[in-house]
C-alpha atoms as a PDB file:
ATOM      1  CA  MET A   1     -46.175 -42.118  97.622  1.00  0.00           C
ATOM      2  CA  ASN A   2     -42.715 -41.425  97.374  1.00  0.00           C
ATOM      3  CA  THR A   3     -40.679 -42.753 100.227  1.00  0.00           C
ATOM      4  CA  ARG A   4     -37.720 -40.391  99.872  1.00  0.00           C
ATOM      5  CA  THR A   5     -39.962 -37.192  99.599  1.00  0.00           C
ATOM      6  CA  GLY A   6     -40.969 -39.047 103.413  1.00  0.00           C
ATOM      7  CA  PHE A   7     -38.503 -38.725 104.680  1.00  0.00           C
ATOM      8  CA  ALA A   8     -37.020 -35.885 103.549  1.00  0.00           C
ATOM      9  CA  LEU A   9     -40.688 -33.690 104.974  1.00  0.00           C
ATOM     10  CA  VAL A  10     -39.748 -36.016 108.275  1.00  0.00           C
ATOM     11  CA  GLY A  11     -36.159 -34.209 108.267  1.00  0.00           C
ATOM     12  CA  ALA A  12     -37.307 -31.456 107.978  1.00  0.00           C
ATOM     13  CA  LEU A  13     -39.677 -31.684 110.548  1.00  0.00           C
ATOM     14  CA  ALA A  14     -37.014 -32.778 112.544  1.00  0.00           C
ATOM     15  CA  LEU A  15     -34.981 -30.249 112.031  1.00  0.00           C
ATOM     16  CA  PHE A  16     -38.035 -27.671 113.672  1.00  0.00           C
ATOM     17  CA  ALA A  17     -38.006 -28.936 116.605  1.00  0.00           C
ATOM     18  CA  VAL A  18     -34.128 -29.228 117.215  1.00  0.00           C
ATOM     19  CA  ALA A  19     -33.757 -25.249 116.636  1.00  0.00           C
ATOM     20  CA  PRO A  20     -31.576 -23.769 119.160  1.00  0.00           C
ATOM     21  CA  GLY A  21     -33.618 -21.517 120.980  1.00  0.00           C
ATOM     22  CA  THR A  22     -36.961 -22.880 120.419  1.00  0.00           C
ATOM     23  CA  PHE A  23     -36.930 -25.035 124.026  1.00  0.00           C
ATOM     24  CA  ALA A  24     -38.676 -24.205 126.595  1.00  0.00           C
ATOM     25  CA  GLN A  25     -36.236 -24.837 129.755  1.00  0.00           C
ATOM     26  CA  ASN A  26     -36.967 -28.089 131.461  1.00  0.00           C
ATOM     27  CA  THR A  27     -38.258 -27.318 134.773  1.00  0.00           C
ATOM     28  CA  ARG A  28     -42.136 -27.683 132.810  1.00  0.00           C
ATOM     29  CA  GLY A  29     -40.661 -31.362 132.277  1.00  0.00           C
ATOM     30  CA  CYS A  30     -40.225 -31.414 128.425  1.00  0.00           C
ATOM     31  CA  ASN A  31     -38.064 -29.975 125.587  1.00  0.00           C
ATOM     32  CA  LEU A  32     -41.409 -28.630 123.755  1.00  0.00           C
ATOM     33  CA  PRO A  33     -41.692 -25.594 122.196  1.00  0.00           C
ATOM     34  CA  LYS A  34     -43.384 -22.661 125.314  1.00  0.00           C
ATOM     35  CA  ASN A  35     -46.310 -22.668 122.855  1.00  0.00           C
ATOM     36  CA  PHE A  36     -46.355 -26.092 123.272  1.00  0.00           C
ATOM     37  CA  PRO A  37     -47.806 -28.550 125.958  1.00  0.00           C
ATOM     38  CA  CYS A  38     -46.440 -30.835 127.552  1.00  0.00           C
ATOM     39  CA  PRO A  39     -47.902 -34.234 127.766  1.00  0.00           C
ATOM     40  CA  THR A  40     -48.341 -35.197 131.322  1.00  0.00           C
ATOM     41  CA  ALA A  41     -47.203 -38.693 132.303  1.00  0.00           C
ATOM     42  CA  ARG A  42     -49.839 -41.717 133.070  1.00  0.00           C
ATOM     43  CA  ILE A  43     -49.136 -44.586 134.945  1.00  0.00           C
ATOM     44  CA  MET A  44     -50.229 -47.147 132.757  1.00  0.00           C
ATOM     45  CA  ASP A  45     -50.401 -50.753 134.284  1.00  0.00           C
ATOM     46  CA  PHE A  46     -48.596 -51.509 137.816  1.00  0.00           C
ATOM     47  CA  SER A  47     -48.673 -55.785 138.741  1.00  0.00           C
ATOM     48  CA  VAL A  48     -47.147 -58.812 139.757  1.00  0.00           C
ATOM     49  CA  ASP A  49     -47.755 -62.576 137.870  1.00  0.00           C
ATOM     50  CA  LYS A  50     -48.605 -63.305 141.313  1.00  0.00           C
ATOM     51  CA  THR A  51     -49.212 -61.697 145.041  1.00  0.00           C
ATOM     52  CA  ALA A  52     -48.617 -64.813 146.723  1.00  0.00           C
ATOM     53  CA  ILE A  53     -45.439 -66.461 147.018  1.00  0.00           C
ATOM     54  CA  LYS A  54     -43.609 -69.095 149.226  1.00  0.00           C
ATOM     55  CA  PRO A  55     -40.457 -68.921 150.608  1.00  0.00           C
ATOM     56  CA  GLY A  56     -37.483 -68.610 148.002  1.00  0.00           C
ATOM     57  CA  GLU A  57     -39.905 -68.153 144.869  1.00  0.00           C
ATOM     58  CA  SER A  58     -39.908 -65.533 142.922  1.00  0.00           C
ATOM     59  CA  ALA A  59     -42.571 -63.110 141.209  1.00  0.00           C
ATOM     60  CA  VAL A  60     -42.305 -60.818 138.343  1.00  0.00           C
ATOM     61  CA  ILE A  61     -43.261 -56.902 138.165  1.00  0.00           C
ATOM     62  CA  SER A  62     -43.684 -55.918 135.397  1.00  0.00           C
ATOM     63  CA  TRP A  63     -44.685 -52.359 134.403  1.00  0.00           C
ATOM     64  CA  VAL A  64     -45.453 -48.907 131.058  1.00  0.00           C
ATOM     65  CA  ALA A  65     -45.837 -45.457 131.986  1.00  0.00           C
ATOM     66  CA  GLU A  66     -46.834 -43.027 129.168  1.00  0.00           C
ATOM     67  CA  ASN A  67     -44.888 -39.837 128.948  1.00  0.00           C
ATOM     68  CA  PRO A  68     -42.729 -40.363 132.329  1.00  0.00           C
ATOM     69  CA  GLY A  69     -40.359 -38.374 133.424  1.00  0.00           C
ATOM     70  CA  ALA A  70     -37.695 -40.087 135.618  1.00  0.00           C
ATOM     71  CA  MET A  71     -39.110 -42.925 137.304  1.00  0.00           C
ATOM     72  CA  GLU A  72     -37.640 -45.110 140.268  1.00  0.00           C
ATOM     73  CA  VAL A  73     -39.206 -49.168 141.583  1.00  0.00           C
ATOM     74  CA  THR A  74     -38.149 -49.158 145.542  1.00  0.00           C
ATOM     75  CA  PRO A  75     -37.552 -50.942 147.207  1.00  0.00           C
ATOM     76  CA  ASP A  76     -34.611 -53.412 145.312  1.00  0.00           C
ATOM     77  CA  ILE A  77     -34.855 -52.348 141.737  1.00  0.00           C
ATOM     78  CA  GLY A  78     -34.409 -48.760 141.440  1.00  0.00           C
ATOM     79  CA  GLU A  79     -34.339 -46.563 138.338  1.00  0.00           C
ATOM     80  CA  VAL A  80     -36.213 -48.097 135.585  1.00  0.00           C
ATOM     81  CA  VAL A  81     -37.221 -46.959 131.770  1.00  0.00           C
ATOM     82  CA  ALA A  82     -41.061 -46.527 130.936  1.00  0.00           C
ATOM     83  CA  ARG A  83     -41.841 -50.610 130.217  1.00  0.00           C
ATOM     84  CA  GLY A  84     -39.903 -52.731 131.535  1.00  0.00           C
ATOM     85  CA  SER A  85     -39.982 -55.955 134.095  1.00  0.00           C
ATOM     86  CA  SER A  86     -37.766 -57.725 136.957  1.00  0.00           C
ATOM     87  CA  ARG A  87     -37.369 -60.760 138.935  1.00  0.00           C
ATOM     88  CA  VAL A  88     -38.088 -60.261 142.158  1.00  0.00           C
ATOM     89  CA  THR A  89     -37.456 -62.965 145.271  1.00  0.00           C
ATOM     90  CA  PRO A  90     -38.477 -61.431 148.098  1.00  0.00           C
ATOM     91  CA  THR A  91     -37.385 -62.361 151.427  1.00  0.00           C
ATOM     92  CA  ALA A  92     -40.237 -60.856 153.505  1.00  0.00           C
ATOM     93  CA  THR A  93     -43.885 -59.609 152.308  1.00  0.00           C
ATOM     94  CA  THR A  94     -42.592 -56.610 149.604  1.00  0.00           C
ATOM     95  CA  THR A  95     -44.699 -53.319 148.816  1.00  0.00           C
ATOM     96  CA  TYR A  96     -42.780 -52.304 145.864  1.00  0.00           C
ATOM     97  CA  THR A  97     -44.017 -48.655 145.082  1.00  0.00           C
ATOM     98  CA  LEU A  98     -43.645 -47.033 141.335  1.00  0.00           C
ATOM     99  CA  LYS A  99     -42.391 -43.301 140.837  1.00  0.00           C
ATOM    100  CA  VAL A 100     -42.806 -41.477 138.028  1.00  0.00           C
ATOM    101  CA  GLY A 101     -41.933 -37.824 137.381  1.00  0.00           C
ATOM    102  CA  GLY A 102     -43.951 -35.849 134.830  1.00  0.00           C
ATOM    103  CA  GLY A 103     -47.339 -35.761 136.204  1.00  0.00           C
ATOM    104  CA  PRO A 104     -50.260 -32.999 135.802  1.00  0.00           C
ATOM    105  CA  ASP A 105     -48.502 -29.545 137.795  1.00  0.00           C
ATOM    106  CA  GLY A 106     -45.557 -31.751 138.195  1.00  0.00           C
ATOM    107  CA  GLN A 107     -46.422 -34.153 140.640  1.00  0.00           C
ATOM    108  CA  THR A 108     -44.863 -37.585 141.219  1.00  0.00           C
ATOM    109  CA  LEU A 109     -47.581 -40.526 140.371  1.00  0.00           C
ATOM    110  CA  THR A 110     -47.292 -43.311 142.132  1.00  0.00           C
ATOM    111  CA  LYS A 111     -48.863 -46.371 142.497  1.00  0.00           C
ATOM    112  CA  THR A 112     -48.449 -49.768 145.003  1.00  0.00           C
ATOM    113  CA  LEU A 113     -47.624 -53.306 144.607  1.00  0.00           C
ATOM    114  CA  THR A 114     -47.920 -55.718 147.545  1.00  0.00           C
ATOM    115  CA  ILE A 115     -46.411 -59.430 147.269  1.00  0.00           C
ATOM    116  CA  THR A 116     -46.928 -61.263 150.730  1.00  0.00           C
ATOM    117  CA  VAL A 117     -44.639 -64.215 151.538  1.00  0.00           C
ATOM    118  CA  ALA A 118     -45.784 -66.693 153.283  1.00  0.00           C
ATOM    119  CA  GLY A 119     -44.691 -67.486 157.053  1.00  0.00           C
ATOM    120  CA  THR A 120     -42.792 -63.807 156.546  1.00  0.00           C
ATOM    121  CA  THR A 121     -43.866 -60.323 158.296  1.00  0.00           C
ATOM    122  CA  ALA A 122     -43.914 -57.293 155.853  1.00  0.00           C
ATOM    123  CA  ARG A 123     -40.579 -55.354 155.944  1.00  0.00           C
ATOM    124  CA  THR A 124     -40.564 -51.605 157.589  1.00  0.00           C
ATOM    125  CA  VAL A 125     -39.843 -48.925 155.609  1.00  0.00           C
ATOM    126  CA  SER A 126     -36.286 -48.400 157.338  1.00  0.00           C
ATOM    127  CA  GLU A 127     -35.695 -52.065 155.376  1.00  0.00           C
ATOM    128  CA  ALA A 128     -36.683 -51.377 152.466  1.00  0.00           C
ATOM    129  CA  SER A 129     -35.249 -47.974 151.491  1.00  0.00           C
ATOM    130  CA  ALA A 130     -32.170 -49.810 152.704  1.00  0.00           C
END
């Protein structure tokens, strides 16, 4: 296969995909032409390497989402991209929530995990959102 021809073909497809006036409004959750369905977001993984730690220790939270809209991990982490990880050092037992926009019918998908910190009580919702 001629690489140059393959490139021209890919370039032509890219030009078609970005032609003015062919995009649906962003309220659909994607910028595909109206006659194409938007892919639905899915949470593929939301996990932690250690579910129980001692005070002062850290754990690594990892996530993978497919076709996501806006994403965030709360508390403490904030906005994230489709694939990533974050080292956390909670001072008390904490439940983390991954929120992914773009689910079926525009739903926000959620998944939770809890890291138990020995000798502590769970953070309350008001503490977790601060």
